[in-house]
Amino acid sequence: MHPFDTEIQLPELFTPNPHLSDDIIQSEIDGGVYLRDLRCGDILKIETQDWMCTMVFCEDKEALIWGHPVFCPDPVKVHVSGSTWGGSMLKEAFIGRGMHLEMRHPRYGILLTSKVLEIQSSNLADALNWPAKQASYQKTFER
């Protein structure tokens, strides 16, 4: 045995849970927004693979949404359930990149969007060019 050889085994620093799919791990990397972090009147511009919508957050998972030519050409109040990877597992009260937004429409029932590509946020007062009491902001949620 060479004097610098060792038999000490180094532990693995991180081992992902074998029950987590690659999609779940990727959603944590891609990021998104939790509804609990929004204030009433916050505006989200959401781009999916096949359409763009505007969502004005109201409260308690309720929002006005418009932008789809069939389901919501004009503002309609929906209940935002959360995001899913396309199966039955729902990340509640979360809108995530790379995930499908799930919402309950008053006329069409549960709607599932194509994958969300981008999410941007702004404040209603800023969008209407009203003087805001706080510093204005517009941001793209961190990845």
Protein backbone atom coordinates (compact mmCIF):
# COMPACT_ATOMS: atom_id res chain seq x y z
CA MET A 1 0.00 0.00 0.00
CA HIS A 2 1.29 3.43 -0.97
CA PRO A 3 1.62 5.92 1.94
CA PHE A 4 -0.90 8.31 0.33
CA ASP A 5 -3.53 5.69 -0.43
CA THR A 6 -6.54 5.63 1.84
CA GLU A 7 -9.48 3.37 2.34
CA ILE A 8 -11.78 6.12 3.60
CA GLN A 9 -14.91 6.40 1.50
CA LEU A 10 -16.30 9.87 0.96
CA PRO A 11 -20.06 10.24 1.37
CA GLU A 12 -22.21 11.41 -1.51
CA LEU A 13 -23.10 15.04 -0.85
CA PHE A 14 -26.51 14.94 -2.57
CA THR A 15 -28.65 12.08 -3.70
CA PRO A 16 -32.06 13.00 -5.11
CA ASN A 17 -35.02 11.14 -3.75
CA PRO A 18 -35.64 8.20 -6.12
CA HIS A 19 -39.38 8.96 -6.03
CA LEU A 20 -38.91 12.42 -7.58
CA SER A 21 -39.16 12.51 -11.34
CA ASP A 22 -36.84 14.57 -13.52
CA ASP A 23 -39.81 16.90 -14.23
CA ILE A 24 -40.23 17.71 -10.54
CA ILE A 25 -36.54 18.41 -10.11
CA GLN A 26 -36.52 20.57 -13.27
CA SER A 27 -39.50 22.62 -12.04
CA GLU A 28 -37.50 23.60 -8.97
CA ILE A 29 -34.71 24.79 -11.26
CA ASP A 30 -37.04 26.62 -13.70
CA GLY A 31 -38.93 28.42 -10.95
CA GLY A 32 -42.31 30.09 -10.87
CA VAL A 33 -44.54 32.04 -8.53
CA TYR A 34 -46.50 31.03 -5.47
CA LEU A 35 -49.88 32.72 -5.22
CA ARG A 36 -49.17 33.43 -1.54
CA ASP A 37 -46.41 35.80 -2.68
CA LEU A 38 -48.81 37.92 -4.76
CA ARG A 39 -50.79 40.94 -3.63
CA CYS A 40 -54.31 41.71 -4.76
CA GLY A 41 -53.95 43.62 -8.05
CA ASP A 42 -50.66 42.04 -9.10
CA ILE A 43 -50.59 41.31 -12.82
CA LEU A 44 -49.02 38.23 -14.36
CA LYS A 45 -48.23 37.94 -18.06
CA ILE A 46 -48.07 34.21 -18.71
CA GLU A 47 -46.70 32.79 -21.95
CA THR A 48 -47.46 29.15 -22.69
CA GLN A 49 -46.42 27.08 -25.68
CA ASP A 50 -49.47 28.16 -27.67
CA TRP A 51 -50.96 31.36 -26.20
CA MET A 52 -50.33 34.33 -23.93
CA CYS A 53 -52.66 35.50 -21.19
CA THR A 54 -52.93 38.26 -18.67
CA MET A 55 -53.94 37.38 -15.13
CA VAL A 56 -54.87 39.87 -12.41
CA PHE A 57 -54.62 38.22 -9.02
CA CYS A 58 -57.59 38.91 -6.75
CA GLU A 59 -57.27 36.85 -3.56
CA ASP A 60 -57.63 33.34 -2.22
CA LYS A 61 -56.57 31.68 -5.52
CA GLU A 62 -59.05 33.78 -7.51
CA ALA A 63 -57.96 35.79 -10.55
CA LEU A 64 -59.26 37.56 -13.62
CA ILE A 65 -57.76 36.09 -16.78
CA TRP A 66 -58.00 36.91 -20.49
CA GLY A 67 -56.14 36.35 -23.72
CA HIS A 68 -57.43 33.04 -25.10
CA PRO A 69 -59.74 33.48 -28.12
CA VAL A 70 -62.17 30.74 -27.00
CA PHE A 71 -61.99 30.32 -23.22
CA CYS A 72 -61.33 33.89 -22.13
CA PRO A 73 -61.28 36.53 -24.86
CA ASP A 74 -62.60 38.97 -22.23
CA PRO A 75 -61.72 38.96 -18.52
CA VAL A 76 -63.28 36.08 -16.63
CA LYS A 77 -62.87 35.16 -12.97
CA VAL A 78 -61.23 31.77 -12.46
CA HIS A 79 -60.02 29.72 -9.54
CA VAL A 80 -56.31 28.96 -9.93
CA SER A 81 -55.68 25.42 -8.69
CA GLY A 82 -51.95 25.31 -9.35
CA SER A 83 -49.60 23.62 -11.77
CA THR A 84 -49.15 20.05 -12.88
CA TRP A 85 -46.76 18.06 -15.02
CA GLY A 86 -49.71 16.69 -16.95
CA GLY A 87 -50.70 13.93 -14.55
CA SER A 88 -52.68 13.85 -11.35
CA MET A 89 -49.96 15.39 -9.15
CA LEU A 90 -50.72 19.08 -8.52
CA LYS A 91 -48.37 21.68 -7.08
CA GLU A 92 -51.10 23.70 -5.40
CA ALA A 93 -51.29 27.53 -5.65
CA PHE A 94 -48.16 27.62 -7.81
CA ILE A 95 -47.60 28.72 -11.42
CA GLY A 96 -44.42 27.10 -12.68
CA ARG A 97 -42.32 27.27 -15.81
CA GLY A 98 -42.29 23.99 -17.69
CA MET A 99 -45.57 23.00 -16.02
CA HIS A 100 -49.22 23.15 -17.06
CA LEU A 101 -51.38 25.76 -15.32
CA GLU A 102 -54.63 24.29 -14.01
CA MET A 103 -57.62 26.53 -13.32
CA ARG A 104 -61.38 26.20 -12.87
CA HIS A 105 -63.39 28.24 -15.39
CA PRO A 106 -67.03 29.08 -14.50
CA ARG A 107 -68.31 27.87 -17.89
CA TYR A 108 -65.78 25.29 -19.13
CA GLY A 109 -64.78 23.65 -15.86
CA ILE A 110 -61.18 22.60 -15.29
CA LEU A 111 -58.78 23.95 -17.91
CA LEU A 112 -55.19 22.83 -18.35
CA THR A 113 -52.83 25.02 -20.38
CA SER A 114 -49.90 23.92 -22.48
CA LYS A 115 -46.50 24.23 -20.76
CA VAL A 116 -45.75 27.62 -19.25
CA LEU A 117 -42.68 29.17 -20.87
CA GLU A 118 -42.42 32.54 -19.12
CA ILE A 119 -44.02 34.51 -16.29
CA GLN A 120 -43.68 38.25 -15.75
CA SER A 121 -45.21 40.32 -12.99
CA SER A 122 -46.16 43.94 -12.54
CA ASN A 123 -48.35 45.96 -10.20
CA LEU A 124 -51.80 47.21 -11.23
CA ALA A 125 -51.02 50.80 -10.20
CA ASP A 126 -47.91 50.76 -12.41
CA ALA A 127 -49.79 49.24 -15.34
CA LEU A 128 -52.40 52.01 -15.13
CA ASN A 129 -49.67 54.64 -14.65
CA TRP A 130 -51.08 55.61 -11.26
CA PRO A 131 -48.67 57.02 -8.68
CA ALA A 132 -47.76 54.14 -6.44
CA LYS A 133 -47.08 54.60 -2.74
CA GLN A 134 -44.35 51.98 -2.95
CA ALA A 135 -41.48 51.73 -5.39
CA SER A 136 -42.80 50.35 -8.66
CA TYR A 137 -41.61 47.02 -9.91
CA GLN A 138 -41.70 44.78 -12.87
CA LYS A 139 -39.80 41.57 -12.78
CA THR A 140 -39.41 38.21 -14.33
CA PHE A 141 -39.51 35.56 -11.65
CA GLU A 142 -36.08 34.11 -11.00
CA ARG A 143 -35.19 30.78 -12.45
